[in-house]
Amino acid sequence: MPTMFPPRPPLLFAPRRLARAALLALLLGAAGLAGLSHADTDADRARAALRSGEILPLSRILDTVSRQYAGDVIDVKLDRDDGIWKYEVKLLLPTSAVAKLEYDARDATLLKARGHDLDQARKPRP
């Protein structure tokens, strides 16, 4: 028995489905690129601050930490709060306690130091 309607195109190539798929891909791509550009912006700002001498390199901060405290650095973050760059350092002390140290990224000045047994881990000044 012959059909009275022409055959339908495959669903994959239907114009409405193509339009929806293209729109979805465009939206997802834009959302992904927005996230990447934000990450690139943060990294670019930090890199520019380092190149301009606005902040010290991480190696200088780690050297300062090792001269001041006994322990192992387990985490470091570079943040900008209220226009001031800061290195936030987590230190595993010899007593197995974790201390949090905050340094001014411009000159390695210790801004905050918190943690149990931190006084015991402090090295004497030369």
PDB file of N, CA and C in Angstrom:
ATOM      1  N   MET A   1       0.834  -1.152   0.000  1.00  0.00           N
ATOM      2  CA  MET A   1       0.000   0.000   0.000  1.00  0.00           C
ATOM      3  C   MET A   1       0.895   1.237   0.000  1.00  0.00           C
ATOM      4  N   PRO A   2       0.746   2.105  -1.000  1.00  0.00           N
ATOM      5  CA  PRO A   2       1.598   3.294  -1.105  1.00  0.00           C
ATOM      6  C   PRO A   2       1.178   4.345  -0.088  1.00  0.00           C
ATOM      7  N   THR A   3       2.187   5.133   0.367  1.00  0.00           N
ATOM      8  CA  THR A   3       1.896   6.206   1.328  1.00  0.00           C
ATOM      9  C   THR A   3       1.499   7.462   0.587  1.00  0.00           C
ATOM     10  N   MET A   4       0.707   8.299   1.208  1.00  0.00           N
ATOM     11  CA  MET A   4       0.235   9.512   0.567  1.00  0.00           C
ATOM     12  C   MET A   4       1.100  10.721   0.935  1.00  0.00           C
ATOM     13  N   PHE A   5       1.969  10.569   1.909  1.00  0.00           N
ATOM     14  CA  PHE A   5       2.803  11.690   2.324  1.00  0.00           C
ATOM     15  C   PHE A   5       4.233  11.468   1.854  1.00  0.00           C
ATOM     16  N   PRO A   6       4.926  12.554   1.532  1.00  0.00           N
ATOM     17  CA  PRO A   6       6.333  12.374   1.142  1.00  0.00           C
ATOM     18  C   PRO A   6       7.149  11.950   2.362  1.00  0.00           C
ATOM     19  N   PRO A   7       8.252  11.261   2.134  1.00  0.00           N
ATOM     20  CA  PRO A   7       9.063  10.817   3.276  1.00  0.00           C
ATOM     21  C   PRO A   7       9.620  12.025   4.044  1.00  0.00           C
ATOM     22  N   ARG A   8       9.734  11.881   5.365  1.00  0.00           N
ATOM     23  CA  ARG A   8      10.284  12.945   6.204  1.00  0.00           C
ATOM     24  C   ARG A   8      11.808  12.911   6.127  1.00  0.00           C
ATOM     25  N   PRO A   9      12.410  14.071   6.209  1.00  0.00           N
ATOM     26  CA  PRO A   9      13.878  14.054   6.231  1.00  0.00           C
ATOM     27  C   PRO A   9      14.362  13.444   7.542  1.00  0.00           C
ATOM     28  N   PRO A  10      15.560  12.928   7.558  1.00  0.00           N
ATOM     29  CA  PRO A  10      16.073  12.369   8.818  1.00  0.00           C
ATOM     30  C   PRO A  10      16.039  13.443   9.910  1.00  0.00           C
ATOM     31  N   LEU A  11      15.758  13.033  11.120  1.00  0.00           N
ATOM     32  CA  LEU A  11      15.616  13.972  12.230  1.00  0.00           C
ATOM     33  C   LEU A  11      16.889  14.787  12.473  1.00  0.00           C
ATOM     34  N   LEU A  12      18.021  14.205  12.174  1.00  0.00           N
ATOM     35  CA  LEU A  12      19.284  14.894  12.384  1.00  0.00           C
ATOM     36  C   LEU A  12      19.380  16.161  11.543  1.00  0.00           C
ATOM     37  N   PHE A  13      18.799  16.168  10.375  1.00  0.00           N
ATOM     38  CA  PHE A  13      18.919  17.301   9.464  1.00  0.00           C
ATOM     39  C   PHE A  13      17.674  18.186   9.435  1.00  0.00           C
ATOM     40  N   ALA A  14      16.752  17.971  10.327  1.00  0.00           N
ATOM     41  CA  ALA A  14      15.559  18.815  10.370  1.00  0.00           C
ATOM     42  C   ALA A  14      15.978  20.243  10.697  1.00  0.00           C
ATOM     43  N   PRO A  15      15.465  21.249  10.000  1.00  0.00           N
ATOM     44  CA  PRO A  15      15.895  22.631  10.207  1.00  0.00           C
ATOM     45  C   PRO A  15      15.751  23.120  11.644  1.00  0.00           C
ATOM     46  N   ARG A  16      14.663  22.783  12.302  1.00  0.00           N
ATOM     47  CA  ARG A  16      14.484  23.236  13.682  1.00  0.00           C
ATOM     48  C   ARG A  16      15.506  22.612  14.615  1.00  0.00           C
ATOM     49  N   ARG A  17      15.775  21.345  14.417  1.00  0.00           N
ATOM     50  CA  ARG A  17      16.775  20.670  15.263  1.00  0.00           C
ATOM     51  C   ARG A  17      18.160  21.249  15.028  1.00  0.00           C
ATOM     52  N   LEU A  18      18.480  21.542  13.777  1.00  0.00           N
ATOM     53  CA  LEU A  18      19.782  22.154  13.493  1.00  0.00           C
ATOM     54  C   LEU A  18      19.902  23.517  14.154  1.00  0.00           C
ATOM     55  N   ALA A  19      18.853  24.305  14.083  1.00  0.00           N
ATOM     56  CA  ALA A  19      18.871  25.632  14.688  1.00  0.00           C
ATOM     57  C   ALA A  19      19.038  25.528  16.208  1.00  0.00           C
ATOM     58  N   ARG A  20      18.315  24.609  16.830  1.00  0.00           N
ATOM     59  CA  ARG A  20      18.436  24.431  18.279  1.00  0.00           C
ATOM     60  C   ARG A  20      19.834  23.958  18.664  1.00  0.00           C
ATOM     61  N   ALA A  21      20.346  23.003  17.907  1.00  0.00           N
ATOM     62  CA  ALA A  21      21.683  22.483  18.204  1.00  0.00           C
ATOM     63  C   ALA A  21      22.740  23.582  18.043  1.00  0.00           C
ATOM     64  N   ALA A  22      22.598  24.394  17.004  1.00  0.00           N
ATOM     65  CA  ALA A  22      23.555  25.478  16.782  1.00  0.00           C
ATOM     66  C   ALA A  22      23.476  26.506  17.902  1.00  0.00           C
ATOM     67  N   LEU A  23      22.267  26.841  18.327  1.00  0.00           N
ATOM     68  CA  LEU A  23      22.088  27.801  19.411  1.00  0.00           C
ATOM     69  C   LEU A  23      22.664  27.255  20.713  1.00  0.00           C
ATOM     70  N   LEU A  24      22.398  25.993  21.011  1.00  0.00           N
ATOM     71  CA  LEU A  24      22.931  25.369  22.219  1.00  0.00           C
ATOM     72  C   LEU A  24      24.461  25.357  22.199  1.00  0.00           C
ATOM     73  N   ALA A  25      25.041  24.986  21.064  1.00  0.00           N
ATOM     74  CA  ALA A  25      26.502  24.966  20.950  1.00  0.00           C
ATOM     75  C   ALA A  25      27.081  26.367  21.132  1.00  0.00           C
ATOM     76  N   LEU A  26      26.420  27.356  20.568  1.00  0.00           N
ATOM     77  CA  LEU A  26      26.877  28.732  20.694  1.00  0.00           C
ATOM     78  C   LEU A  26      26.827  29.190  22.148  1.00  0.00           C
ATOM     79  N   LEU A  27      25.728  28.893  22.838  1.00  0.00           N
ATOM     80  CA  LEU A  27      25.601  29.294  24.239  1.00  0.00           C
ATOM     81  C   LEU A  27      26.609  28.586  25.129  1.00  0.00           C
ATOM     82  N   LEU A  28      26.777  27.290  24.934  1.00  0.00           N
ATOM     83  CA  LEU A  28      27.743  26.542  25.728  1.00  0.00           C
ATOM     84  C   LEU A  28      29.167  27.006  25.445  1.00  0.00           C
ATOM     85  N   GLY A  29      29.460  27.270  24.203  1.00  0.00           N
ATOM     86  CA  GLY A  29      30.792  27.770  23.849  1.00  0.00           C
ATOM     87  C   GLY A  29      31.064  29.121  24.465  1.00  0.00           C
ATOM     88  N   ALA A  30      30.083  30.005  24.433  1.00  0.00           N
ATOM     89  CA  ALA A  30      30.252  31.337  25.017  1.00  0.00           C
ATOM     90  C   ALA A  30      30.440  31.232  26.526  1.00  0.00           C
ATOM     91  N   ALA A  31      29.702  30.356  27.167  1.00  0.00           N
ATOM     92  CA  ALA A  31      29.850  30.192  28.613  1.00  0.00           C
ATOM     93  C   ALA A  31      31.235  29.645  28.949  1.00  0.00           C
ATOM     94  N   GLY A  32      31.707  28.700  28.168  1.00  0.00           N
ATOM     95  CA  GLY A  32      33.038  28.145  28.383  1.00  0.00           C
ATOM     96  C   GLY A  32      34.126  29.174  28.153  1.00  0.00           C
ATOM     97  N   LEU A  33      33.980  29.961  27.119  1.00  0.00           N
ATOM     98  CA  LEU A  33      34.976  30.995  26.837  1.00  0.00           C
ATOM     99  C   LEU A  33      34.971  32.076  27.901  1.00  0.00           C
ATOM    100  N   ALA A  34      33.809  32.388  28.436  1.00  0.00           N
ATOM    101  CA  ALA A  34      33.744  33.399  29.496  1.00  0.00           C
ATOM    102  C   ALA A  34      34.532  32.928  30.706  1.00  0.00           C
ATOM    103  N   GLY A  35      34.415  31.663  31.060  1.00  0.00           N
ATOM    104  CA  GLY A  35      35.174  31.121  32.180  1.00  0.00           C
ATOM    105  C   GLY A  35      36.662  31.134  31.908  1.00  0.00           C
ATOM    106  N   LEU A  36      37.041  30.791  30.685  1.00  0.00           N
ATOM    107  CA  LEU A  36      38.457  30.809  30.334  1.00  0.00           C
ATOM    108  C   LEU A  36      39.012  32.216  30.340  1.00  0.00           C
ATOM    109  N   SER A  37      38.262  33.161  29.831  1.00  0.00           N
ATOM    110  CA  SER A  37      38.783  34.520  29.778  1.00  0.00           C
ATOM    111  C   SER A  37      38.944  35.084  31.179  1.00  0.00           C
ATOM    112  N   HIS A  38      38.064  34.694  32.114  1.00  0.00           N
ATOM    113  CA  HIS A  38      38.211  35.154  33.496  1.00  0.00           C
ATOM    114  C   HIS A  38      39.492  34.599  34.099  1.00  0.00           C
ATOM    115  N   ALA A  39      39.756  33.307  33.871  1.00  0.00           N
ATOM    116  CA  ALA A  39      40.976  32.699  34.394  1.00  0.00           C
ATOM    117  C   ALA A  39      42.194  33.344  33.759  1.00  0.00           C
ATOM    118  N   ASP A  40      42.141  33.587  32.461  1.00  0.00           N
ATOM    119  CA  ASP A  40      43.259  34.230  31.793  1.00  0.00           C
ATOM    120  C   ASP A  40      43.478  35.621  32.341  1.00  0.00           C
ATOM    121  N   THR A  41      42.412  36.326  32.647  1.00  0.00           N
ATOM    122  CA  THR A  41      42.527  37.674  33.174  1.00  0.00           C
ATOM    123  C   THR A  41      43.231  37.673  34.523  1.00  0.00           C
ATOM    124  N   ASP A  42      42.879  36.767  35.421  1.00  0.00           N
ATOM    125  CA  ASP A  42      43.529  36.678  36.719  1.00  0.00           C
ATOM    126  C   ASP A  42      45.013  36.360  36.570  1.00  0.00           C
ATOM    127  N   ALA A  43      45.323  35.399  35.738  1.00  0.00           N
ATOM    128  CA  ALA A  43      46.716  35.034  35.512  1.00  0.00           C
ATOM    129  C   ALA A  43      47.476  36.174  34.853  1.00  0.00           C
ATOM    130  N   ASP A  44      46.837  36.836  33.907  1.00  0.00           N
ATOM    131  CA  ASP A  44      47.487  37.965  33.235  1.00  0.00           C
ATOM    132  C   ASP A  44      47.767  39.103  34.201  1.00  0.00           C
ATOM    133  N   ARG A  45      46.836  39.367  35.104  1.00  0.00           N
ATOM    134  CA  ARG A  45      47.049  40.429  36.097  1.00  0.00           C
ATOM    135  C   ARG A  45      48.217  40.099  37.011  1.00  0.00           C
ATOM    136  N   ALA A  46      48.267  38.854  37.467  1.00  0.00           N
ATOM    137  CA  ALA A  46      49.365  38.443  38.344  1.00  0.00           C
ATOM    138  C   ALA A  46      50.694  38.513  37.603  1.00  0.00           C
ATOM    139  N   ARG A  47      50.708  38.057  36.364  1.00  0.00           N
ATOM    140  CA  ARG A  47      51.932  38.095  35.567  1.00  0.00           C
ATOM    141  C   ARG A  47      52.387  39.530  35.334  1.00  0.00           C
ATOM    142  N   ALA A  48      51.459  40.412  35.040  1.00  0.00           N
ATOM    143  CA  ALA A  48      51.794  41.819  34.822  1.00  0.00           C
ATOM    144  C   ALA A  48      52.322  42.453  36.108  1.00  0.00           C
ATOM    145  N   ALA A  49      51.725  42.110  37.242  1.00  0.00           N
ATOM    146  CA  ALA A  49      52.185  42.645  38.528  1.00  0.00           C
ATOM    147  C   ALA A  49      53.601  42.166  38.833  1.00  0.00           C
ATOM    148  N   LEU A  50      53.906  40.935  38.496  1.00  0.00           N
ATOM    149  CA  LEU A  50      55.247  40.401  38.703  1.00  0.00           C
ATOM    150  C   LEU A  50      56.253  41.096  37.791  1.00  0.00           C
ATOM    151  N   ARG A  51      55.902  41.239  36.523  1.00  0.00           N
ATOM    152  CA  ARG A  51      56.811  41.885  35.557  1.00  0.00           C
ATOM    153  C   ARG A  51      57.077  43.347  35.900  1.00  0.00           C
ATOM    154  N   SER A  52      56.063  44.020  36.432  1.00  0.00           N
ATOM    155  CA  SER A  52      56.227  45.442  36.749  1.00  0.00           C
ATOM    156  C   SER A  52      56.924  45.663  38.090  1.00  0.00           C
ATOM    157  N   GLY A  53      57.151  44.586  38.831  1.00  0.00           N
ATOM    158  CA  GLY A  53      57.789  44.716  40.128  1.00  0.00           C
ATOM    159  C   GLY A  53      56.817  45.045  41.245  1.00  0.00           C
ATOM    160  N   GLU A  54      55.529  44.991  40.944  1.00  0.00           N
ATOM    161  CA  GLU A  54      54.509  45.276  41.952  1.00  0.00           C
ATOM    162  C   GLU A  54      54.459  44.175  43.005  1.00  0.00           C
ATOM    163  N   ILE A  55      54.790  42.934  42.608  1.00  0.00           N
ATOM    164  CA  ILE A  55      54.831  41.819  43.557  1.00  0.00           C
ATOM    165  C   ILE A  55      56.151  41.083  43.408  1.00  0.00           C
ATOM    166  N   LEU A  56      56.530  40.395  44.472  1.00  0.00           N
ATOM    167  CA  LEU A  56      57.729  39.561  44.458  1.00  0.00           C
ATOM    168  C   LEU A  56      57.399  38.194  43.872  1.00  0.00           C
ATOM    169  N   PRO A  57      58.389  37.516  43.310  1.00  0.00           N
ATOM    170  CA  PRO A  57      58.132  36.151  42.822  1.00  0.00           C
ATOM    171  C   PRO A  57      57.921  35.198  44.002  1.00  0.00           C
ATOM    172  N   LEU A  58      57.233  34.128  43.735  1.00  0.00           N
ATOM    173  CA  LEU A  58      56.927  33.134  44.760  1.00  0.00           C
ATOM    174  C   LEU A  58      58.195  32.617  45.428  1.00  0.00           C
ATOM    175  N   SER A  59      59.272  32.462  44.687  1.00  0.00           N
ATOM    176  CA  SER A  59      60.517  31.941  45.267  1.00  0.00           C
ATOM    177  C   SER A  59      61.013  32.810  46.415  1.00  0.00           C
ATOM    178  N   ARG A  60      60.835  34.122  46.307  1.00  0.00           N
ATOM    179  CA  ARG A  60      61.249  35.028  47.396  1.00  0.00           C
ATOM    180  C   ARG A  60      60.367  34.839  48.622  1.00  0.00           C
ATOM    181  N   ILE A  61      59.093  34.635  48.416  1.00  0.00           N
ATOM    182  CA  ILE A  61      58.183  34.417  49.545  1.00  0.00           C
ATOM    183  C   ILE A  61      58.515  33.096  50.238  1.00  0.00           C
ATOM    184  N   LEU A  62      58.745  32.051  49.454  1.00  0.00           N
ATOM    185  CA  LEU A  62      59.091  30.751  50.037  1.00  0.00           C
ATOM    186  C   LEU A  62      60.402  30.818  50.808  1.00  0.00           C
ATOM    187  N   ASP A  63      61.356  31.579  50.320  1.00  0.00           N
ATOM    188  CA  ASP A  63      62.623  31.773  51.020  1.00  0.00           C
ATOM    189  C   ASP A  63      62.383  32.474  52.361  1.00  0.00           C
ATOM    190  N   THR A  64      61.537  33.483  52.350  1.00  0.00           N
ATOM    191  CA  THR A  64      61.200  34.204  53.580  1.00  0.00           C
ATOM    192  C   THR A  64      60.537  33.274  54.588  1.00  0.00           C
ATOM    193  N   VAL A  65      59.600  32.460  54.126  1.00  0.00           N
ATOM    194  CA  VAL A  65      58.918  31.510  55.012  1.00  0.00           C
ATOM    195  C   VAL A  65      59.926  30.553  55.634  1.00  0.00           C
ATOM    196  N   SER A  66      60.829  30.006  54.829  1.00  0.00           N
ATOM    197  CA  SER A  66      61.785  29.019  55.351  1.00  0.00           C
ATOM    198  C   SER A  66      62.781  29.653  56.324  1.00  0.00           C
ATOM    199  N   ARG A  67      63.072  30.941  56.179  1.00  0.00           N
ATOM    200  CA  ARG A  67      63.944  31.625  57.129  1.00  0.00           C
ATOM    201  C   ARG A  67      63.217  31.918  58.445  1.00  0.00           C
ATOM    202  N   GLN A  68      61.897  32.058  58.409  1.00  0.00           N
ATOM    203  CA  GLN A  68      61.140  32.432  59.596  1.00  0.00           C
ATOM    204  C   GLN A  68      60.557  31.254  60.369  1.00  0.00           C
ATOM    205  N   TYR A  69      60.175  30.192  59.660  1.00  0.00           N
ATOM    206  CA  TYR A  69      59.471  29.089  60.310  1.00  0.00           C
ATOM    207  C   TYR A  69      60.018  27.732  59.892  1.00  0.00           C
ATOM    208  N   ALA A  70      59.959  26.771  60.832  1.00  0.00           N
ATOM    209  CA  ALA A  70      60.252  25.371  60.523  1.00  0.00           C
ATOM    210  C   ALA A  70      58.959  24.740  60.035  1.00  0.00           C
ATOM    211  N   GLY A  71      59.045  23.940  59.002  1.00  0.00           N
ATOM    212  CA  GLY A  71      57.864  23.266  58.476  1.00  0.00           C
ATOM    213  C   GLY A  71      57.912  23.168  56.969  1.00  0.00           C
ATOM    214  N   ASP A  72      56.863  22.600  56.403  1.00  0.00           N
ATOM    215  CA  ASP A  72      56.778  22.385  54.963  1.00  0.00           C
ATOM    216  C   ASP A  72      55.585  23.139  54.391  1.00  0.00           C
ATOM    217  N   VAL A  73      55.821  23.887  53.328  1.00  0.00           N
ATOM    218  CA  VAL A  73      54.737  24.589  52.649  1.00  0.00           C
ATOM    219  C   VAL A  73      53.871  23.558  51.937  1.00  0.00           C
ATOM    220  N   ILE A  74      52.564  23.612  52.200  1.00  0.00           N
ATOM    221  CA  ILE A  74      51.652  22.648  51.576  1.00  0.00           C
ATOM    222  C   ILE A  74      50.665  23.322  50.624  1.00  0.00           C
ATOM    223  N   ASP A  75      50.567  24.659  50.674  1.00  0.00           N
ATOM    224  CA  ASP A  75      49.662  25.358  49.767  1.00  0.00           C
ATOM    225  C   ASP A  75      50.025  26.836  49.741  1.00  0.00           C
ATOM    226  N   VAL A  76      49.905  27.442  48.556  1.00  0.00           N
ATOM    227  CA  VAL A  76      50.144  28.879  48.401  1.00  0.00           C
ATOM    228  C   VAL A  76      49.097  29.438  47.459  1.00  0.00           C
ATOM    229  N   LYS A  77      48.557  30.597  47.817  1.00  0.00           N
ATOM    230  CA  LYS A  77      47.624  31.303  46.943  1.00  0.00           C
ATOM    231  C   LYS A  77      48.059  32.748  46.838  1.00  0.00           C
ATOM    232  N   LEU A  78      47.864  33.318  45.673  1.00  0.00           N
ATOM    233  CA  LEU A  78      48.103  34.739  45.453  1.00  0.00           C
ATOM    234  C   LEU A  78      46.749  35.384  45.229  1.00  0.00           C
ATOM    235  N   ASP A  79      46.389  36.323  46.105  1.00  0.00           N
ATOM    236  CA  ASP A  79      45.100  36.998  46.013  1.00  0.00           C
ATOM    237  C   ASP A  79      45.303  38.499  46.036  1.00  0.00           C
ATOM    238  N   ARG A  80      44.332  39.177  45.498  1.00  0.00           N
ATOM    239  CA  ARG A  80      44.334  40.635  45.565  1.00  0.00           C
ATOM    240  C   ARG A  80      43.094  41.058  46.334  1.00  0.00           C
ATOM    241  N   ASP A  81      43.293  41.600  47.525  1.00  0.00           N
ATOM    242  CA  ASP A  81      42.198  42.051  48.379  1.00  0.00           C
ATOM    243  C   ASP A  81      42.323  43.551  48.589  1.00  0.00           C
ATOM    244  N   ASP A  82      41.263  44.269  48.246  1.00  0.00           N
ATOM    245  CA  ASP A  82      41.236  45.729  48.413  1.00  0.00           C
ATOM    246  C   ASP A  82      42.442  46.400  47.751  1.00  0.00           C
ATOM    247  N   GLY A  83      42.826  45.895  46.586  1.00  0.00           N
ATOM    248  CA  GLY A  83      43.922  46.494  45.834  1.00  0.00           C
ATOM    249  C   GLY A  83      45.312  46.089  46.291  1.00  0.00           C
ATOM    250  N   ILE A  84      45.401  45.204  47.293  1.00  0.00           N
ATOM    251  CA  ILE A  84      46.704  44.774  47.809  1.00  0.00           C
ATOM    252  C   ILE A  84      46.911  43.298  47.487  1.00  0.00           C
ATOM    253  N   TRP A  85      48.030  43.004  46.836  1.00  0.00           N
ATOM    254  CA  TRP A  85      48.374  41.619  46.532  1.00  0.00           C
ATOM    255  C   TRP A  85      48.906  40.957  47.800  1.00  0.00           C
ATOM    256  N   LYS A  86      48.449  39.723  48.066  1.00  0.00           N
ATOM    257  CA  LYS A  86      48.877  38.966  49.243  1.00  0.00           C
ATOM    258  C   LYS A  86      49.132  37.514  48.864  1.00  0.00           C
ATOM    259  N   TYR A  87      50.200  36.970  49.440  1.00  0.00           N
ATOM    260  CA  TYR A  87      50.455  35.536  49.339  1.00  0.00           C
ATOM    261  C   TYR A  87      49.907  34.898  50.605  1.00  0.00           C
ATOM    262  N   GLU A  88      49.051  33.900  50.450  1.00  0.00           N
ATOM    263  CA  GLU A  88      48.534  33.133  51.580  1.00  0.00           C
ATOM    264  C   GLU A  88      49.218  31.769  51.560  1.00  0.00           C
ATOM    265  N   VAL A  89      49.944  31.461  52.628  1.00  0.00           N
ATOM    266  CA  VAL A  89      50.760  30.253  52.695  1.00  0.00           C
ATOM    267  C   VAL A  89      50.245  29.352  53.803  1.00  0.00           C
ATOM    268  N   LYS A  90      50.033  28.069  53.480  1.00  0.00           N
ATOM    269  CA  LYS A  90      49.714  27.063  54.496  1.00  0.00           C
ATOM    270  C   LYS A  90      50.992  26.284  54.758  1.00  0.00           C
ATOM    271  N   LEU A  91      51.300  26.147  56.031  1.00  0.00           N
ATOM    272  CA  LEU A  91      52.547  25.513  56.444  1.00  0.00           C
ATOM    273  C   LEU A  91      52.249  24.347  57.375  1.00  0.00           C
ATOM    274  N   LEU A  92      52.777  23.171  57.050  1.00  0.00           N
ATOM    275  CA  LEU A  92      52.668  22.007  57.922  1.00  0.00           C
ATOM    276  C   LEU A  92      53.837  22.060  58.899  1.00  0.00           C
ATOM    277  N   LEU A  93      53.527  22.283  60.158  1.00  0.00           N
ATOM    278  CA  LEU A  93      54.556  22.448  61.178  1.00  0.00           C
ATOM    279  C   LEU A  93      55.109  21.096  61.617  1.00  0.00           C
ATOM    280  N   PRO A  94      56.294  21.075  62.247  1.00  0.00           N
ATOM    281  CA  PRO A  94      56.866  19.812  62.732  1.00  0.00           C
ATOM    282  C   PRO A  94      55.954  19.075  63.718  1.00  0.00           C
ATOM    283  N   THR A  95      55.059  19.782  64.381  1.00  0.00           N
ATOM    284  CA  THR A  95      54.124  19.152  65.326  1.00  0.00           C
ATOM    285  C   THR A  95      52.891  18.586  64.627  1.00  0.00           C
ATOM    286  N   SER A  96      52.855  18.664  63.310  1.00  0.00           N
ATOM    287  CA  SER A  96      51.748  18.216  62.453  1.00  0.00           C
ATOM    288  C   SER A  96      50.565  19.173  62.464  1.00  0.00           C
ATOM    289  N   ALA A  97      50.690  20.314  63.104  1.00  0.00           N
ATOM    290  CA  ALA A  97      49.659  21.340  63.040  1.00  0.00           C
ATOM    291  C   ALA A  97      49.818  22.098  61.723  1.00  0.00           C
ATOM    292  N   VAL A  98      48.739  22.729  61.279  1.00  0.00           N
ATOM    293  CA  VAL A  98      48.780  23.531  60.055  1.00  0.00           C
ATOM    294  C   VAL A  98      48.646  24.994  60.439  1.00  0.00           C
ATOM    295  N   ALA A  99      49.561  25.806  59.926  1.00  0.00           N
ATOM    296  CA  ALA A  99      49.530  27.243  60.185  1.00  0.00           C
ATOM    297  C   ALA A  99      49.183  27.967  58.893  1.00  0.00           C
ATOM    298  N   LYS A 100      48.563  29.128  59.043  1.00  0.00           N
ATOM    299  CA  LYS A 100      48.253  29.972  57.898  1.00  0.00           C
ATOM    300  C   LYS A 100      49.012  31.280  58.054  1.00  0.00           C
ATOM    301  N   LEU A 101      49.790  31.597  57.044  1.00  0.00           N
ATOM    302  CA  LEU A 101      50.594  32.815  57.042  1.00  0.00           C
ATOM    303  C   LEU A 101      50.146  33.689  55.879  1.00  0.00           C
ATOM    304  N   GLU A 102      50.117  34.987  56.095  1.00  0.00           N
ATOM    305  CA  GLU A 102      49.736  35.909  55.034  1.00  0.00           C
ATOM    306  C   GLU A 102      50.843  36.954  54.892  1.00  0.00           C
ATOM    307  N   TYR A 103      51.366  37.065  53.668  1.00  0.00           N
ATOM    308  CA  TYR A 103      52.465  37.989  53.385  1.00  0.00           C
ATOM    309  C   TYR A 103      52.043  39.035  52.369  1.00  0.00           C
ATOM    310  N   ASP A 104      52.528  40.251  52.564  1.00  0.00           N
ATOM    311  CA  ASP A 104      52.353  41.301  51.574  1.00  0.00           C
ATOM    312  C   ASP A 104      53.212  40.914  50.375  1.00  0.00           C
ATOM    313  N   ALA A 105      52.616  40.813  49.208  1.00  0.00           N
ATOM    314  CA  ALA A 105      53.328  40.350  48.014  1.00  0.00           C
ATOM    315  C   ALA A 105      54.327  41.382  47.498  1.00  0.00           C
ATOM    316  N   ARG A 106      54.214  42.629  47.940  1.00  0.00           N
ATOM    317  CA  ARG A 106      55.150  43.663  47.474  1.00  0.00           C
ATOM    318  C   ARG A 106      56.515  43.546  48.118  1.00  0.00           C
ATOM    319  N   ASP A 107      56.544  43.215  49.441  1.00  0.00           N
ATOM    320  CA  ASP A 107      57.823  43.256  50.152  1.00  0.00           C
ATOM    321  C   ASP A 107      58.041  42.089  51.111  1.00  0.00           C
ATOM    322  N   ALA A 108      57.203  41.091  51.077  1.00  0.00           N
ATOM    323  CA  ALA A 108      57.302  39.884  51.908  1.00  0.00           C
ATOM    324  C   ALA A 108      57.142  40.172  53.397  1.00  0.00           C
ATOM    325  N   THR A 109      56.443  41.240  53.739  1.00  0.00           N
ATOM    326  CA  THR A 109      56.155  41.529  55.138  1.00  0.00           C
ATOM    327  C   THR A 109      55.074  40.573  55.630  1.00  0.00           C
ATOM    328  N   LEU A 110      55.315  39.966  56.780  1.00  0.00           N
ATOM    329  CA  LEU A 110      54.321  39.071  57.368  1.00  0.00           C
ATOM    330  C   LEU A 110      53.173  39.907  57.910  1.00  0.00           C
ATOM    331  N   LEU A 111      51.971  39.680  57.382  1.00  0.00           N
ATOM    332  CA  LEU A 111      50.794  40.443  57.789  1.00  0.00           C
ATOM    333  C   LEU A 111      49.998  39.732  58.880  1.00  0.00           C
ATOM    334  N   LYS A 112      49.830  38.417  58.735  1.00  0.00           N
ATOM    335  CA  LYS A 112      49.077  37.615  59.704  1.00  0.00           C
ATOM    336  C   LYS A 112      49.736  36.255  59.832  1.00  0.00           C
ATOM    337  N   ALA A 113      49.635  35.695  61.026  1.00  0.00           N
ATOM    338  CA  ALA A 113      50.132  34.342  61.270  1.00  0.00           C
ATOM    339  C   ALA A 113      49.204  33.687  62.280  1.00  0.00           C
ATOM    340  N   ARG A 114      48.608  32.564  61.886  1.00  0.00           N
ATOM    341  CA  ARG A 114      47.677  31.849  62.751  1.00  0.00           C
ATOM    342  C   ARG A 114      47.994  30.365  62.733  1.00  0.00           C
ATOM    343  N   GLY A 115      47.874  29.743  63.880  1.00  0.00           N
ATOM    344  CA  GLY A 115      48.039  28.306  63.934  1.00  0.00           C
ATOM    345  C   GLY A 115      48.535  27.842  65.288  1.00  0.00           C
ATOM    346  N   HIS A 116      48.100  26.656  65.662  1.00  0.00           N
ATOM    347  CA  HIS A 116      48.523  26.029  66.911  1.00  0.00           C
ATOM    348  C   HIS A 116      49.999  25.655  66.792  1.00  0.00           C
ATOM    349  N   ASP A 117      50.788  25.901  67.812  1.00  0.00           N
ATOM    350  CA  ASP A 117      52.224  25.582  67.868  1.00  0.00           C
ATOM    351  C   ASP A 117      53.062  26.466  66.945  1.00  0.00           C
ATOM    352  N   LEU A 118      52.504  27.561  66.483  1.00  0.00           N
ATOM    353  CA  LEU A 118      53.241  28.440  65.573  1.00  0.00           C
ATOM    354  C   LEU A 118      54.452  29.073  66.260  1.00  0.00           C
ATOM    355  N   ASP A 119      54.303  29.414  67.530  1.00  0.00           N
ATOM    356  CA  ASP A 119      55.435  30.009  68.268  1.00  0.00           C
ATOM    357  C   ASP A 119      56.605  29.049  68.357  1.00  0.00           C
ATOM    358  N   GLN A 120      56.316  27.758  68.534  1.00  0.00           N
ATOM    359  CA  GLN A 120      57.375  26.755  68.618  1.00  0.00           C
ATOM    360  C   GLN A 120      58.103  26.577  67.298  1.00  0.00           C
ATOM    361  N   ALA A 121      57.407  26.823  66.184  1.00  0.00           N
ATOM    362  CA  ALA A 121      57.998  26.643  64.860  1.00  0.00           C
ATOM    363  C   ALA A 121      58.784  27.869  64.393  1.00  0.00           C
ATOM    364  N   ARG A 122      58.622  28.974  65.100  1.00  0.00           N
ATOM    365  CA  ARG A 122      59.315  30.212  64.708  1.00  0.00           C
ATOM    366  C   ARG A 122      60.818  30.045  64.917  1.00  0.00           C
ATOM    367  N   LYS A 123      61.582  30.371  63.886  1.00  0.00           N
ATOM    368  CA  LYS A 123      63.037  30.288  63.953  1.00  0.00           C
ATOM    369  C   LYS A 123      63.582  31.589  64.544  1.00  0.00           C
ATOM    370  N   PRO A 124      64.682  31.492  65.279  1.00  0.00           N
ATOM    371  CA  PRO A 124      65.273  32.718  65.829  1.00  0.00           C
ATOM    372  C   PRO A 124      65.828  33.605  64.694  1.00  0.00           C
ATOM    373  N   ARG A 125      65.744  34.903  64.911  1.00  0.00           N
ATOM    374  CA  ARG A 125      66.285  35.834  63.910  1.00  0.00           C
ATOM    375  C   ARG A 125      67.800  35.791  63.923  1.00  0.00           C
ATOM    376  N   PRO A 126      68.415  35.828  62.761  1.00  0.00           N
ATOM    377  CA  PRO A 126      69.894  35.791  62.712  1.00  0.00           C
ATOM    378  C   PRO A 126      70.525  37.080  63.204  1.00  0.00           C
TER     379      PRO A 126
END
